[in-house]
Amino acid sequence: MRVDVWLDVACLFKTRSEAQRACQAGRVEVNGQRARPHREVRAGDEVVIARGHGHRQRVVVVGLAERHIPKADARLLYRDTTPPPSPEAKAWRQVEALSRPVRLSAGAPGKRDRRALRRLKGRDD
């Protein structure tokens, strides 16, 4: 079975095209080698997916499915062997989350935004 199809069916990516782009960008490895989207994957193969901010997810293929299945069943297709993050990594993730820029919604502020602005300015109504 193709690795991009398996990644999609196993719900490790939202769509097959997203999995295909990750393979083409070199963010997916199978048994230590960069995987192209058409690479065949079998039970027992180790798949490493490079996620954002240097995080790497390691999974071992346990089963294959030709069609989409419910997400709870799709989790049975792999065994996640990613080591838990160290306390330093957890602290770094919290710092990264706090340092991200705040996204402002486009257009006029909605009801929730107006209330938050009032609270921020000290004018609670």
C-alpha atoms as a PDB file:
ATOM      1  CA  MET A   1       0.000   0.000   0.000  1.00  0.00           C
ATOM      2  CA  ARG A   2       1.253   3.500  -0.830  1.00  0.00           C
ATOM      3  CA  VAL A   3       2.623   5.448   2.135  1.00  0.00           C
ATOM      4  CA  ASP A   4       0.611   8.598   1.341  1.00  0.00           C
ATOM      5  CA  VAL A   5      -2.624   6.599   1.228  1.00  0.00           C
ATOM      6  CA  TRP A   6      -1.768   4.799   4.479  1.00  0.00           C
ATOM      7  CA  LEU A   7      -0.955   8.079   6.256  1.00  0.00           C
ATOM      8  CA  ASP A   8      -4.353   9.423   5.209  1.00  0.00           C
ATOM      9  CA  VAL A   9      -6.297   6.268   6.124  1.00  0.00           C
ATOM     10  CA  ALA A  10      -4.496   6.060   9.503  1.00  0.00           C
ATOM     11  CA  CYS A  11      -5.579   9.677  10.185  1.00  0.00           C
ATOM     12  CA  LEU A  12      -2.010  10.917  10.620  1.00  0.00           C
ATOM     13  CA  PHE A  13      -2.775  13.611   8.015  1.00  0.00           C
ATOM     14  CA  LYS A  14      -6.134  15.198   7.239  1.00  0.00           C
ATOM     15  CA  THR A  15      -6.003  14.497   3.503  1.00  0.00           C
ATOM     16  CA  ARG A  16      -4.054  12.344   1.095  1.00  0.00           C
ATOM     17  CA  SER A  17      -2.781  15.410  -0.741  1.00  0.00           C
ATOM     18  CA  GLU A  18      -1.409  16.793   2.547  1.00  0.00           C
ATOM     19  CA  ALA A  19       0.373  13.482   3.181  1.00  0.00           C
ATOM     20  CA  GLN A  20       1.664  13.513  -0.387  1.00  0.00           C
ATOM     21  CA  ARG A  21       3.091  17.048   0.038  1.00  0.00           C
ATOM     22  CA  ALA A  22       4.794  15.993   3.292  1.00  0.00           C
ATOM     23  CA  CYS A  23       6.399  13.031   1.517  1.00  0.00           C
ATOM     24  CA  GLN A  24       7.581  15.190  -1.368  1.00  0.00           C
ATOM     25  CA  ALA A  25       9.033  17.735   1.068  1.00  0.00           C
ATOM     26  CA  GLY A  26      11.040  14.984   2.791  1.00  0.00           C
ATOM     27  CA  ARG A  27       9.172  15.146   6.098  1.00  0.00           C
ATOM     28  CA  VAL A  28       8.282  11.423   6.052  1.00  0.00           C
ATOM     29  CA  GLU A  29      10.774   8.582   6.497  1.00  0.00           C
ATOM     30  CA  VAL A  30      10.118   4.859   6.299  1.00  0.00           C
ATOM     31  CA  ASN A  31      12.723   2.635   7.962  1.00  0.00           C
ATOM     32  CA  GLY A  32      15.230   5.500   8.049  1.00  0.00           C
ATOM     33  CA  GLN A  33      14.922   6.478   4.368  1.00  0.00           C
ATOM     34  CA  ARG A  34      13.066   9.431   2.878  1.00  0.00           C
ATOM     35  CA  ALA A  35       9.765   8.233   1.518  1.00  0.00           C
ATOM     36  CA  ARG A  36       8.250   9.290  -1.764  1.00  0.00           C
ATOM     37  CA  PRO A  37       4.428   9.200  -1.918  1.00  0.00           C
ATOM     38  CA  HIS A  38       4.410   6.013  -4.015  1.00  0.00           C
ATOM     39  CA  ARG A  39       6.650   4.042  -1.623  1.00  0.00           C
ATOM     40  CA  GLU A  40       5.091   0.809  -0.432  1.00  0.00           C
ATOM     41  CA  VAL A  41       4.523   0.386   3.291  1.00  0.00           C
ATOM     42  CA  ARG A  42       4.086  -2.967   5.067  1.00  0.00           C
ATOM     43  CA  ALA A  43       3.264  -4.108   8.585  1.00  0.00           C
ATOM     44  CA  GLY A  44       6.311  -3.728  10.816  1.00  0.00           C
ATOM     45  CA  ASP A  45       7.724  -0.660   9.031  1.00  0.00           C
ATOM     46  CA  GLU A  46       8.740   2.318  11.179  1.00  0.00           C
ATOM     47  CA  VAL A  47       7.443   5.664   9.919  1.00  0.00           C
ATOM     48  CA  VAL A  48       8.896   8.936  11.210  1.00  0.00           C
ATOM     49  CA  ILE A  49       6.955  12.148  10.514  1.00  0.00           C
ATOM     50  CA  ALA A  50       8.613  15.531  11.030  1.00  0.00           C
ATOM     51  CA  ARG A  51       6.034  17.845  12.581  1.00  0.00           C
ATOM     52  CA  GLY A  52       6.416  21.577  13.217  1.00  0.00           C
ATOM     53  CA  HIS A  53       9.058  23.115  15.507  1.00  0.00           C
ATOM     54  CA  GLY A  54      11.413  20.131  15.306  1.00  0.00           C
ATOM     55  CA  HIS A  55       8.990  17.579  16.735  1.00  0.00           C
ATOM     56  CA  ARG A  56       9.170  14.092  15.242  1.00  0.00           C
ATOM     57  CA  GLN A  57       6.398  11.506  15.526  1.00  0.00           C
ATOM     58  CA  ARG A  58       7.438   7.847  15.369  1.00  0.00           C
ATOM     59  CA  VAL A  59       4.899   5.153  14.553  1.00  0.00           C
ATOM     60  CA  VAL A  60       5.166   1.458  13.726  1.00  0.00           C
ATOM     61  CA  VAL A  61       2.772   0.127  11.092  1.00  0.00           C
ATOM     62  CA  VAL A  62       0.596  -2.592  12.629  1.00  0.00           C
ATOM     63  CA  GLY A  63      -2.052  -2.991   9.940  1.00  0.00           C
ATOM     64  CA  LEU A  64      -3.246  -1.805   6.549  1.00  0.00           C
ATOM     65  CA  ALA A  65      -6.665  -0.697   5.347  1.00  0.00           C
ATOM     66  CA  GLU A  66      -7.610   0.002   1.745  1.00  0.00           C
ATOM     67  CA  ARG A  67     -10.493   2.348   2.583  1.00  0.00           C
ATOM     68  CA  HIS A  68     -11.210   5.031   5.129  1.00  0.00           C
ATOM     69  CA  ILE A  69     -12.392   3.660   8.433  1.00  0.00           C
ATOM     70  CA  PRO A  70     -13.621   5.357  11.628  1.00  0.00           C
ATOM     71  CA  LYS A  71     -10.897   7.279  13.436  1.00  0.00           C
ATOM     72  CA  ALA A  72     -11.048   4.998  16.491  1.00  0.00           C
ATOM     73  CA  ASP A  73     -10.361   1.992  14.247  1.00  0.00           C
ATOM     74  CA  ALA A  74      -7.714   3.893  12.286  1.00  0.00           C
ATOM     75  CA  ARG A  75      -5.660   4.325  15.461  1.00  0.00           C
ATOM     76  CA  LEU A  76      -5.345   0.541  15.584  1.00  0.00           C
ATOM     77  CA  LEU A  77      -3.383   0.600  12.304  1.00  0.00           C
ATOM     78  CA  TYR A  78      -0.266   1.934  14.052  1.00  0.00           C
ATOM     79  CA  ARG A  79       1.549   1.931  17.375  1.00  0.00           C
ATOM     80  CA  ASP A  80       2.882   5.324  18.445  1.00  0.00           C
ATOM     81  CA  THR A  81       6.455   4.929  19.741  1.00  0.00           C
ATOM     82  CA  THR A  82       7.211   8.639  20.079  1.00  0.00           C
ATOM     83  CA  PRO A  83       9.062   9.203  23.357  1.00  0.00           C
ATOM     84  CA  PRO A  84       7.299  11.556  25.781  1.00  0.00           C
ATOM     85  CA  PRO A  85       8.681  15.111  25.763  1.00  0.00           C
ATOM     86  CA  SER A  86      11.201  16.043  28.428  1.00  0.00           C
ATOM     87  CA  PRO A  87      10.275  18.661  31.044  1.00  0.00           C
ATOM     88  CA  GLU A  88      12.509  21.166  29.205  1.00  0.00           C
ATOM     89  CA  ALA A  89      10.682  20.488  25.931  1.00  0.00           C
ATOM     90  CA  LYS A  90       7.305  20.954  27.645  1.00  0.00           C
ATOM     91  CA  ALA A  91       8.442  24.267  29.117  1.00  0.00           C
ATOM     92  CA  TRP A  92       9.778  25.371  25.721  1.00  0.00           C
ATOM     93  CA  ARG A  93       6.429  24.560  24.055  1.00  0.00           C
ATOM     94  CA  GLN A  94       4.625  26.713  26.628  1.00  0.00           C
ATOM     95  CA  VAL A  95       7.008  29.604  25.974  1.00  0.00           C
ATOM     96  CA  GLU A  96       6.500  29.213  22.205  1.00  0.00           C
ATOM     97  CA  ALA A  97       2.723  29.228  22.634  1.00  0.00           C
ATOM     98  CA  LEU A  98       2.823  32.405  24.708  1.00  0.00           C
ATOM     99  CA  SER A  99       5.185  34.173  22.315  1.00  0.00           C
ATOM    100  CA  ARG A 100       3.079  33.622  19.190  1.00  0.00           C
ATOM    101  CA  PRO A 101       1.566  36.778  17.743  1.00  0.00           C
ATOM    102  CA  VAL A 102      -2.088  37.375  18.494  1.00  0.00           C
ATOM    103  CA  ARG A 103      -4.342  37.034  15.474  1.00  0.00           C
ATOM    104  CA  LEU A 104      -6.822  39.800  15.043  1.00  0.00           C
ATOM    105  CA  SER A 105     -10.013  38.982  13.246  1.00  0.00           C
ATOM    106  CA  ALA A 106     -10.689  40.784  10.007  1.00  0.00           C
ATOM    107  CA  GLY A 107     -13.479  43.330   9.897  1.00  0.00           C
ATOM    108  CA  ALA A 108     -15.465  44.888  12.700  1.00  0.00           C
ATOM    109  CA  PRO A 109     -15.205  43.327  16.158  1.00  0.00           C
ATOM    110  CA  GLY A 110     -17.952  40.940  17.139  1.00  0.00           C
ATOM    111  CA  LYS A 111     -19.846  40.818  20.414  1.00  0.00           C
ATOM    112  CA  ARG A 112     -17.190  38.746  22.204  1.00  0.00           C
ATOM    113  CA  ASP A 113     -14.397  40.994  20.891  1.00  0.00           C
ATOM    114  CA  ARG A 114     -16.177  44.163  22.023  1.00  0.00           C
ATOM    115  CA  ARG A 115     -16.651  42.749  25.520  1.00  0.00           C
ATOM    116  CA  ALA A 116     -12.984  41.743  25.691  1.00  0.00           C
ATOM    117  CA  LEU A 117     -11.937  45.239  24.571  1.00  0.00           C
ATOM    118  CA  ARG A 118     -14.148  46.826  27.240  1.00  0.00           C
ATOM    119  CA  ARG A 119     -12.626  44.608  29.908  1.00  0.00           C
ATOM    120  CA  LEU A 120      -9.140  45.420  28.661  1.00  0.00           C
ATOM    121  CA  LYS A 121      -9.807  49.151  28.829  1.00  0.00           C
ATOM    122  CA  GLY A 122     -11.278  48.804  32.317  1.00  0.00           C
ATOM    123  CA  ARG A 123     -14.818  49.741  31.315  1.00  0.00           C
ATOM    124  CA  ASP A 124     -16.811  46.739  32.488  1.00  0.00           C
ATOM    125  CA  ASP A 125     -20.494  47.148  31.776  1.00  0.00           C
END
